[in-house]
Amino acid sequence: MSLRVERFDHIVVNCHDVEATARWYARVLGMKIVRFGPKNRTALTFGDQKINLRPLGALDQDPAWATGRTEAAGSEDLCFITDTKPDEVAAHLRACNVTIIDGPVIRIGALGEMVSHYCRDLDGNLIEIAHYAH
């Protein structure tokens, strides 16, 4: 028997301010803010995906909260796929007062060529918003 990974279920993003981060992703990327579990933790959902938001220092407050060995905000590079055309992505980011640090640029994603715009979230994570032409 061999193990075959099928997909991501969720990822966890460490952040300085969970509420401000959740609002940024909802406003800029259209994600839905949800609360879950007995401790009313915060997550972002979009499509069939979920991002759990973990505040820095969470492990000190709850030793049962399993986490990576190094806790850091702003260390992620995240790529999100959209069906929104690249020129509309740029216009939306500008309307949200989000600085585009690169783009539009051609990149190669999991399914081939895509057009990407890059920005940063509140903690400095690199956010890539990409559109596949096919």
N, C-alpha and C. Protein backbone atom coordinates (compact mmCIF):
# COMPACT_ATOMS: atom_id res chain seq x y z
N MET A 1 0.85 -1.18 0.00
CA MET A 1 0.00 0.00 0.00
C MET A 1 0.90 1.25 0.00
N SER A 2 0.49 2.25 -0.77
CA SER A 2 1.22 3.52 -0.77
C SER A 2 0.24 4.67 -0.52
N LEU A 3 0.77 5.70 0.06
CA LEU A 3 -0.03 6.89 0.36
C LEU A 3 -0.03 7.82 -0.83
N ARG A 4 -1.19 8.33 -1.18
CA ARG A 4 -1.29 9.31 -2.25
C ARG A 4 -2.11 10.49 -1.73
N VAL A 5 -1.48 11.65 -1.68
CA VAL A 5 -2.17 12.85 -1.23
C VAL A 5 -3.08 13.33 -2.35
N GLU A 6 -4.30 13.69 -2.00
CA GLU A 6 -5.30 14.11 -2.98
C GLU A 6 -5.38 15.62 -3.13
N ARG A 7 -5.37 16.36 -2.03
CA ARG A 7 -5.54 17.81 -2.08
C ARG A 7 -5.26 18.39 -0.71
N PHE A 8 -5.16 19.71 -0.66
CA PHE A 8 -5.12 20.41 0.61
C PHE A 8 -6.53 20.45 1.17
N ASP A 9 -6.67 20.35 2.46
CA ASP A 9 -7.96 20.59 3.10
C ASP A 9 -8.01 22.04 3.58
N HIS A 10 -6.96 22.44 4.31
CA HIS A 10 -6.87 23.82 4.78
C HIS A 10 -5.40 24.15 5.03
N ILE A 11 -5.14 25.42 5.14
CA ILE A 11 -3.83 25.88 5.57
C ILE A 11 -4.05 26.80 6.76
N VAL A 12 -2.97 27.08 7.48
CA VAL A 12 -3.04 27.98 8.63
C VAL A 12 -2.09 29.13 8.37
N VAL A 13 -2.57 30.33 8.58
CA VAL A 13 -1.75 31.53 8.42
C VAL A 13 -1.65 32.21 9.78
N ASN A 14 -0.43 32.39 10.25
CA ASN A 14 -0.19 33.11 11.50
C ASN A 14 -0.30 34.61 11.22
N CYS A 15 -0.89 35.34 12.16
CA CYS A 15 -1.06 36.78 11.94
C CYS A 15 -1.02 37.54 13.26
N HIS A 16 -0.72 38.82 13.15
CA HIS A 16 -0.68 39.68 14.33
C HIS A 16 -2.08 39.99 14.86
N ASP A 17 -3.02 40.23 13.96
CA ASP A 17 -4.37 40.65 14.35
C ASP A 17 -5.38 39.85 13.52
N VAL A 18 -5.96 38.84 14.14
CA VAL A 18 -6.87 37.93 13.43
C VAL A 18 -8.04 38.68 12.81
N GLU A 19 -8.66 39.56 13.56
CA GLU A 19 -9.85 40.26 13.05
C GLU A 19 -9.51 41.17 11.87
N ALA A 20 -8.43 41.93 11.98
CA ALA A 20 -8.03 42.82 10.88
C ALA A 20 -7.65 42.01 9.65
N THR A 21 -6.94 40.90 9.86
CA THR A 21 -6.54 40.05 8.74
C THR A 21 -7.77 39.45 8.07
N ALA A 22 -8.71 38.97 8.86
CA ALA A 22 -9.94 38.39 8.30
C ALA A 22 -10.69 39.43 7.46
N ARG A 23 -10.80 40.64 7.98
CA ARG A 23 -11.50 41.70 7.23
C ARG A 23 -10.76 42.03 5.92
N TRP A 24 -9.42 42.03 5.93
CA TRP A 24 -8.64 42.32 4.72
C TRP A 24 -8.92 41.27 3.65
N TYR A 25 -8.87 40.00 4.00
CA TYR A 25 -9.11 38.94 3.03
C TYR A 25 -10.56 38.94 2.53
N ALA A 26 -11.49 39.30 3.40
CA ALA A 26 -12.89 39.39 2.97
C ALA A 26 -13.08 40.54 2.00
N ARG A 27 -12.49 41.70 2.32
CA ARG A 27 -12.67 42.90 1.49
C ARG A 27 -11.90 42.80 0.18
N VAL A 28 -10.67 42.35 0.22
CA VAL A 28 -9.82 42.35 -0.97
C VAL A 28 -10.02 41.12 -1.84
N LEU A 29 -10.17 39.95 -1.22
CA LEU A 29 -10.26 38.71 -2.00
C LEU A 29 -11.64 38.06 -1.97
N GLY A 30 -12.59 38.69 -1.31
CA GLY A 30 -13.96 38.19 -1.33
C GLY A 30 -14.20 36.92 -0.53
N MET A 31 -13.31 36.62 0.41
CA MET A 31 -13.47 35.41 1.21
C MET A 31 -14.52 35.63 2.29
N LYS A 32 -15.10 34.54 2.76
CA LYS A 32 -16.11 34.60 3.80
C LYS A 32 -15.45 34.32 5.14
N ILE A 33 -15.75 35.13 6.14
CA ILE A 33 -15.24 34.93 7.50
C ILE A 33 -16.18 33.97 8.22
N VAL A 34 -15.61 32.91 8.80
CA VAL A 34 -16.42 31.95 9.57
C VAL A 34 -15.75 31.72 10.92
N ARG A 35 -16.55 31.38 11.90
CA ARG A 35 -16.06 31.01 13.23
C ARG A 35 -16.30 29.51 13.38
N PHE A 36 -15.36 28.84 14.05
CA PHE A 36 -15.51 27.40 14.19
C PHE A 36 -14.95 26.91 15.51
N GLY A 37 -15.42 25.73 15.90
CA GLY A 37 -14.91 25.04 17.08
C GLY A 37 -15.37 25.64 18.39
N PRO A 38 -15.09 24.91 19.47
CA PRO A 38 -15.55 25.35 20.79
C PRO A 38 -14.86 26.63 21.26
N LYS A 39 -13.73 26.98 20.68
CA LYS A 39 -13.02 28.21 21.08
C LYS A 39 -13.29 29.36 20.12
N ASN A 40 -14.26 29.16 19.21
CA ASN A 40 -14.69 30.20 18.28
C ASN A 40 -13.52 30.78 17.48
N ARG A 41 -12.71 29.90 16.92
CA ARG A 41 -11.57 30.33 16.12
C ARG A 41 -12.07 30.92 14.80
N THR A 42 -11.18 31.61 14.10
CA THR A 42 -11.55 32.32 12.87
C THR A 42 -10.92 31.65 11.66
N ALA A 43 -11.72 31.53 10.61
CA ALA A 43 -11.24 30.99 9.35
C ALA A 43 -11.81 31.82 8.21
N LEU A 44 -11.20 31.64 7.06
CA LEU A 44 -11.67 32.25 5.82
C LEU A 44 -12.01 31.11 4.88
N THR A 45 -13.15 31.20 4.20
CA THR A 45 -13.50 30.16 3.24
C THR A 45 -13.73 30.78 1.87
N PHE A 46 -13.44 29.99 0.85
CA PHE A 46 -13.67 30.36 -0.54
C PHE A 46 -13.68 29.05 -1.32
N GLY A 47 -14.67 28.88 -2.20
CA GLY A 47 -14.80 27.60 -2.90
C GLY A 47 -14.86 26.48 -1.89
N ASP A 48 -14.07 25.44 -2.12
CA ASP A 48 -13.98 24.31 -1.20
C ASP A 48 -12.75 24.39 -0.32
N GLN A 49 -12.22 25.58 -0.14
CA GLN A 49 -10.97 25.78 0.58
C GLN A 49 -11.20 26.54 1.89
N LYS A 50 -10.21 26.40 2.79
CA LYS A 50 -10.31 27.09 4.07
C LYS A 50 -8.92 27.50 4.53
N ILE A 51 -8.84 28.72 5.07
CA ILE A 51 -7.62 29.21 5.72
C ILE A 51 -7.98 29.49 7.17
N ASN A 52 -7.31 28.78 8.08
CA ASN A 52 -7.47 29.08 9.50
C ASN A 52 -6.49 30.20 9.85
N LEU A 53 -6.95 31.17 10.62
CA LEU A 53 -6.10 32.26 11.08
C LEU A 53 -5.69 32.01 12.52
N ARG A 54 -4.39 32.00 12.76
CA ARG A 54 -3.88 31.75 14.10
C ARG A 54 -3.13 32.99 14.58
N PRO A 55 -3.51 33.53 15.74
CA PRO A 55 -2.79 34.69 16.26
C PRO A 55 -1.41 34.30 16.78
N LEU A 56 -0.45 35.19 16.60
CA LEU A 56 0.86 34.94 17.19
C LEU A 56 0.70 34.77 18.69
N GLY A 57 1.43 33.82 19.26
CA GLY A 57 1.33 33.56 20.69
C GLY A 57 0.24 32.58 21.06
N ALA A 58 -0.47 32.04 20.08
CA ALA A 58 -1.58 31.13 20.36
C ALA A 58 -1.11 29.88 21.10
N LEU A 59 0.06 29.39 20.78
CA LEU A 59 0.58 28.20 21.42
C LEU A 59 0.83 28.45 22.91
N ASP A 60 1.26 29.65 23.27
CA ASP A 60 1.46 29.99 24.68
C ASP A 60 0.14 29.98 25.44
N GLN A 61 -0.93 30.38 24.76
CA GLN A 61 -2.24 30.44 25.39
C GLN A 61 -2.94 29.09 25.40
N ASP A 62 -2.63 28.26 24.41
CA ASP A 62 -3.29 26.95 24.29
C ASP A 62 -2.28 25.93 23.79
N PRO A 63 -1.58 25.25 24.69
CA PRO A 63 -0.53 24.29 24.29
C PRO A 63 -1.06 23.12 23.45
N ALA A 64 -2.38 22.91 23.46
CA ALA A 64 -2.96 21.83 22.65
C ALA A 64 -3.10 22.22 21.19
N TRP A 65 -2.89 23.50 20.87
CA TRP A 65 -3.02 23.98 19.49
C TRP A 65 -1.73 23.63 18.75
N ALA A 66 -1.75 22.52 18.06
CA ALA A 66 -0.57 22.06 17.33
C ALA A 66 -0.22 23.06 16.23
N THR A 67 1.06 23.36 16.13
CA THR A 67 1.50 24.34 15.15
C THR A 67 2.90 24.00 14.67
N GLY A 68 3.33 24.69 13.65
CA GLY A 68 4.68 24.49 13.14
C GLY A 68 5.72 24.88 14.17
N ARG A 69 6.92 24.45 13.98
CA ARG A 69 7.99 24.70 14.93
C ARG A 69 8.32 26.18 15.08
N THR A 70 8.22 26.93 13.98
CA THR A 70 8.52 28.36 14.01
C THR A 70 7.25 29.14 13.71
N GLU A 71 6.86 29.96 14.66
CA GLU A 71 5.66 30.78 14.50
C GLU A 71 6.08 32.15 13.98
N ALA A 72 5.58 32.52 12.80
CA ALA A 72 5.94 33.81 12.23
C ALA A 72 4.79 34.32 11.37
N ALA A 73 4.53 35.60 11.49
CA ALA A 73 3.56 36.25 10.61
C ALA A 73 4.32 36.86 9.45
N GLY A 74 3.74 36.79 8.27
CA GLY A 74 4.36 37.42 7.10
C GLY A 74 5.35 36.54 6.36
N SER A 75 5.36 35.26 6.64
CA SER A 75 6.33 34.36 6.00
C SER A 75 5.73 33.51 4.88
N GLU A 76 4.48 33.75 4.55
CA GLU A 76 3.80 32.92 3.55
C GLU A 76 3.86 33.54 2.16
N ASP A 77 3.89 32.68 1.15
CA ASP A 77 3.69 33.04 -0.26
C ASP A 77 2.47 32.25 -0.70
N LEU A 78 1.36 32.93 -0.94
CA LEU A 78 0.11 32.27 -1.26
C LEU A 78 -0.37 32.67 -2.65
N CYS A 79 -0.79 31.70 -3.43
CA CYS A 79 -1.30 31.97 -4.77
C CYS A 79 -2.77 31.58 -4.83
N PHE A 80 -3.60 32.53 -5.22
CA PHE A 80 -5.04 32.31 -5.35
C PHE A 80 -5.43 32.44 -6.82
N ILE A 81 -6.27 31.54 -7.27
CA ILE A 81 -6.75 31.53 -8.66
C ILE A 81 -8.11 32.22 -8.72
N THR A 82 -8.28 33.06 -9.72
CA THR A 82 -9.55 33.75 -9.93
C THR A 82 -9.99 33.60 -11.37
N ASP A 83 -11.28 33.71 -11.60
CA ASP A 83 -11.77 33.74 -12.99
C ASP A 83 -11.94 35.19 -13.45
N THR A 84 -11.60 36.13 -12.60
CA THR A 84 -11.64 37.55 -12.95
C THR A 84 -10.49 37.88 -13.88
N LYS A 85 -10.76 38.62 -14.93
CA LYS A 85 -9.73 38.99 -15.92
C LYS A 85 -8.64 39.84 -15.25
N PRO A 86 -7.40 39.70 -15.72
CA PRO A 86 -6.27 40.41 -15.09
C PRO A 86 -6.46 41.92 -14.97
N ASP A 87 -7.00 42.57 -15.99
CA ASP A 87 -7.18 44.02 -15.89
C ASP A 87 -8.20 44.38 -14.81
N GLU A 88 -9.19 43.52 -14.61
CA GLU A 88 -10.18 43.74 -13.55
C GLU A 88 -9.58 43.47 -12.17
N VAL A 89 -8.67 42.51 -12.08
CA VAL A 89 -7.97 42.25 -10.82
C VAL A 89 -7.20 43.50 -10.42
N ALA A 90 -6.44 44.06 -11.35
CA ALA A 90 -5.66 45.27 -11.06
C ALA A 90 -6.56 46.41 -10.63
N ALA A 91 -7.66 46.61 -11.33
CA ALA A 91 -8.59 47.70 -10.98
C ALA A 91 -9.17 47.48 -9.59
N HIS A 92 -9.51 46.25 -9.27
CA HIS A 92 -10.08 45.94 -7.96
C HIS A 92 -9.06 46.22 -6.85
N LEU A 93 -7.82 45.76 -7.05
CA LEU A 93 -6.79 46.00 -6.04
C LEU A 93 -6.58 47.49 -5.82
N ARG A 94 -6.53 48.24 -6.91
CA ARG A 94 -6.37 49.70 -6.78
C ARG A 94 -7.56 50.32 -6.04
N ALA A 95 -8.76 49.85 -6.34
CA ALA A 95 -9.96 50.37 -5.67
C ALA A 95 -9.95 50.06 -4.18
N CYS A 96 -9.29 48.96 -3.80
CA CYS A 96 -9.16 48.58 -2.39
C CYS A 96 -7.96 49.23 -1.72
N ASN A 97 -7.25 50.11 -2.47
CA ASN A 97 -6.04 50.77 -1.97
C ASN A 97 -4.95 49.77 -1.59
N VAL A 98 -4.87 48.69 -2.38
CA VAL A 98 -3.84 47.68 -2.19
C VAL A 98 -2.76 47.92 -3.24
N THR A 99 -1.53 48.03 -2.81
CA THR A 99 -0.41 48.27 -3.72
C THR A 99 -0.07 47.00 -4.50
N ILE A 100 -0.04 47.11 -5.80
CA ILE A 100 0.40 46.00 -6.65
C ILE A 100 1.91 46.08 -6.72
N ILE A 101 2.61 45.04 -6.23
CA ILE A 101 4.07 45.09 -6.23
C ILE A 101 4.68 44.47 -7.48
N ASP A 102 3.87 43.72 -8.24
CA ASP A 102 4.30 43.18 -9.53
C ASP A 102 3.07 42.71 -10.29
N GLY A 103 3.11 42.86 -11.60
CA GLY A 103 2.03 42.37 -12.42
C GLY A 103 1.43 43.47 -13.27
N PRO A 104 0.76 43.04 -14.32
CA PRO A 104 0.54 41.64 -14.65
C PRO A 104 1.81 40.98 -15.21
N VAL A 105 2.06 39.74 -14.78
CA VAL A 105 3.20 38.96 -15.24
C VAL A 105 2.74 37.54 -15.54
N ILE A 106 3.42 36.91 -16.49
CA ILE A 106 3.12 35.52 -16.83
C ILE A 106 3.89 34.62 -15.87
N ARG A 107 3.20 33.65 -15.29
CA ARG A 107 3.80 32.66 -14.40
C ARG A 107 3.31 31.28 -14.82
N ILE A 108 3.97 30.27 -14.33
CA ILE A 108 3.55 28.89 -14.59
C ILE A 108 3.03 28.32 -13.28
N GLY A 109 1.76 27.99 -13.28
CA GLY A 109 1.12 27.41 -12.11
C GLY A 109 0.96 25.91 -12.26
N ALA A 110 0.18 25.31 -11.39
CA ALA A 110 -0.03 23.87 -11.39
C ALA A 110 -0.68 23.37 -12.68
N LEU A 111 -1.46 24.26 -13.34
CA LEU A 111 -2.18 23.85 -14.56
C LEU A 111 -1.64 24.53 -15.81
N GLY A 112 -0.49 25.19 -15.70
CA GLY A 112 0.10 25.83 -16.87
C GLY A 112 0.24 27.33 -16.71
N GLU A 113 0.22 28.02 -17.85
CA GLU A 113 0.47 29.46 -17.86
C GLU A 113 -0.71 30.25 -17.29
N MET A 114 -0.35 31.25 -16.51
CA MET A 114 -1.36 32.13 -15.91
C MET A 114 -0.81 33.54 -15.84
N VAL A 115 -1.70 34.50 -15.68
CA VAL A 115 -1.33 35.90 -15.53
C VAL A 115 -1.54 36.27 -14.07
N SER A 116 -0.48 36.80 -13.44
CA SER A 116 -0.51 37.05 -12.00
C SER A 116 -0.29 38.52 -11.65
N HIS A 117 -0.90 38.90 -10.55
CA HIS A 117 -0.63 40.17 -9.88
C HIS A 117 -0.22 39.82 -8.45
N TYR A 118 0.76 40.57 -7.92
CA TYR A 118 1.26 40.34 -6.58
C TYR A 118 1.00 41.55 -5.69
N CYS A 119 0.64 41.26 -4.44
CA CYS A 119 0.47 42.29 -3.43
C CYS A 119 0.84 41.67 -2.09
N ARG A 120 0.68 42.42 -1.02
CA ARG A 120 0.96 41.90 0.32
C ARG A 120 -0.25 42.13 1.21
N ASP A 121 -0.48 41.16 2.11
CA ASP A 121 -1.55 41.35 3.09
C ASP A 121 -1.04 42.19 4.26
N LEU A 122 -1.81 42.32 5.31
CA LEU A 122 -1.46 43.20 6.43
C LEU A 122 -0.17 42.80 7.14
N ASP A 123 0.15 41.51 7.14
CA ASP A 123 1.37 41.03 7.81
C ASP A 123 2.56 40.95 6.88
N GLY A 124 2.35 41.25 5.59
CA GLY A 124 3.44 41.20 4.63
C GLY A 124 3.55 39.89 3.87
N ASN A 125 2.59 38.98 4.06
CA ASN A 125 2.58 37.76 3.25
C ASN A 125 2.47 38.14 1.79
N LEU A 126 3.18 37.42 0.94
CA LEU A 126 3.09 37.66 -0.50
C LEU A 126 1.83 36.99 -1.03
N ILE A 127 0.97 37.77 -1.64
CA ILE A 127 -0.29 37.27 -2.18
C ILE A 127 -0.23 37.38 -3.70
N GLU A 128 -0.37 36.24 -4.36
CA GLU A 128 -0.42 36.19 -5.82
C GLU A 128 -1.87 35.90 -6.21
N ILE A 129 -2.40 36.73 -7.09
CA ILE A 129 -3.75 36.53 -7.61
C ILE A 129 -3.59 36.24 -9.08
N ALA A 130 -3.96 35.04 -9.48
CA ALA A 130 -3.66 34.56 -10.83
C ALA A 130 -4.91 34.16 -11.60
N HIS A 131 -4.81 34.35 -12.91
CA HIS A 131 -5.92 34.01 -13.83
C HIS A 131 -5.38 33.10 -14.92
N TYR A 132 -5.96 31.90 -15.04
CA TYR A 132 -5.63 31.00 -16.15
C TYR A 132 -6.44 31.41 -17.35
N ALA A 133 -5.80 31.52 -18.50
CA ALA A 133 -6.50 31.94 -19.71
C ALA A 133 -7.35 30.82 -20.31
N HIS A 134 -7.03 29.58 -20.01
CA HIS A 134 -7.80 28.46 -20.61
C HIS A 134 -8.98 28.06 -19.81
